[in-house]
């Protein structure tokens, strides 16, 4: 038995498939379970997962159509089952699954732009349900293929070795941070694709929040973010009157190891938010237009900071960019989410 998880979206989406990988390994203990990814950070994350045999990594975003086709066809007829990790509602992803040509191709049939993402290229379809978490949607794919019911879905899986944990201890020691102190992590970024940058809480609010957390809770503030978020982090640190520790590491696993030492993690809707959940951290999620049913931190203590406008949620999975229909304040759901609310959510977790 050879199984392929097609995980061409980002860190968070790939991570929310890991409970399904766990179930696949239970069901098929001797199977080869592989993944197809296009982001290096996802590859780093999956390399640690003992239930995954092989990772196929290809830079689809920066390759020519001819090279992409050649690579995809090199995987043709090698697998018995393929899963299109939810959410991955672009027609290109379904075409890739079709060309790989596993006899069983499982995917979600999306409620919006129905037909335009070519879900019909798959032969085991589960209808999208706005009331379900992404983890649950992925488990539905497993249930569709196997005919079994999963009654107790497990946690997200992000594996850290003792070497990784030692790295985190050394990092904190070098920054003069004691384990006895309250350590609060923050992530101010998120994906910028399809206008999702509009989901971000303003940098100046993160800066003000860091001052309040330092003053009232005597917390040490750690600021996380990827290599493409250096300017964003610098803006926050320069705006804040307190010392913020900039977490700069060589890779995602090192960042996650430092995250594991946090007492609370505050984040926009992002991949790091889901890593925090996988690590079992207390998470405060700053949510504007997103449907929290889809993405709330899975099986960990969390609070949602949201002003719950009547027009929210307005973001659902579709190929179109994120837009706002309001005529008073565009993206009011995030722009008018105040600092005191987020601080209150932090204190509820302490």
Foldseek 3Di string as FASTA:
>chain_A
DEEEEEEADDQQLLLLLQLVLVVVCVVPVPYAYEYEYADVQNVVQCVQDPSHDYYHYDNPVPDDPVVVLVVLLVLAPVGQEYEHGPPDQALVSLVSQLNSPHVAYEYEQEPPPGPNSVPVSGDQYDYDDLLAASSVVSVVSVCSVPVDDDDDGDAGAGDDDVVLLVLLVVVCVVVVHDLPAAEEEEEQAADPPLNCRLLGFDLLLVQVLVVCCCVVVVYAYEYDDDPVCPVSVVVSCVNHPDHHHYDDDDGDSSVLSNLLSHQEYEYEQHSVQQSCLNSQHEYEYEGFQDSCNHGPHPPHHYHYQWPDDPCHNPDDDDPHGDFAPDDPDTSCGRHVRHNVSSVVRVVVSD
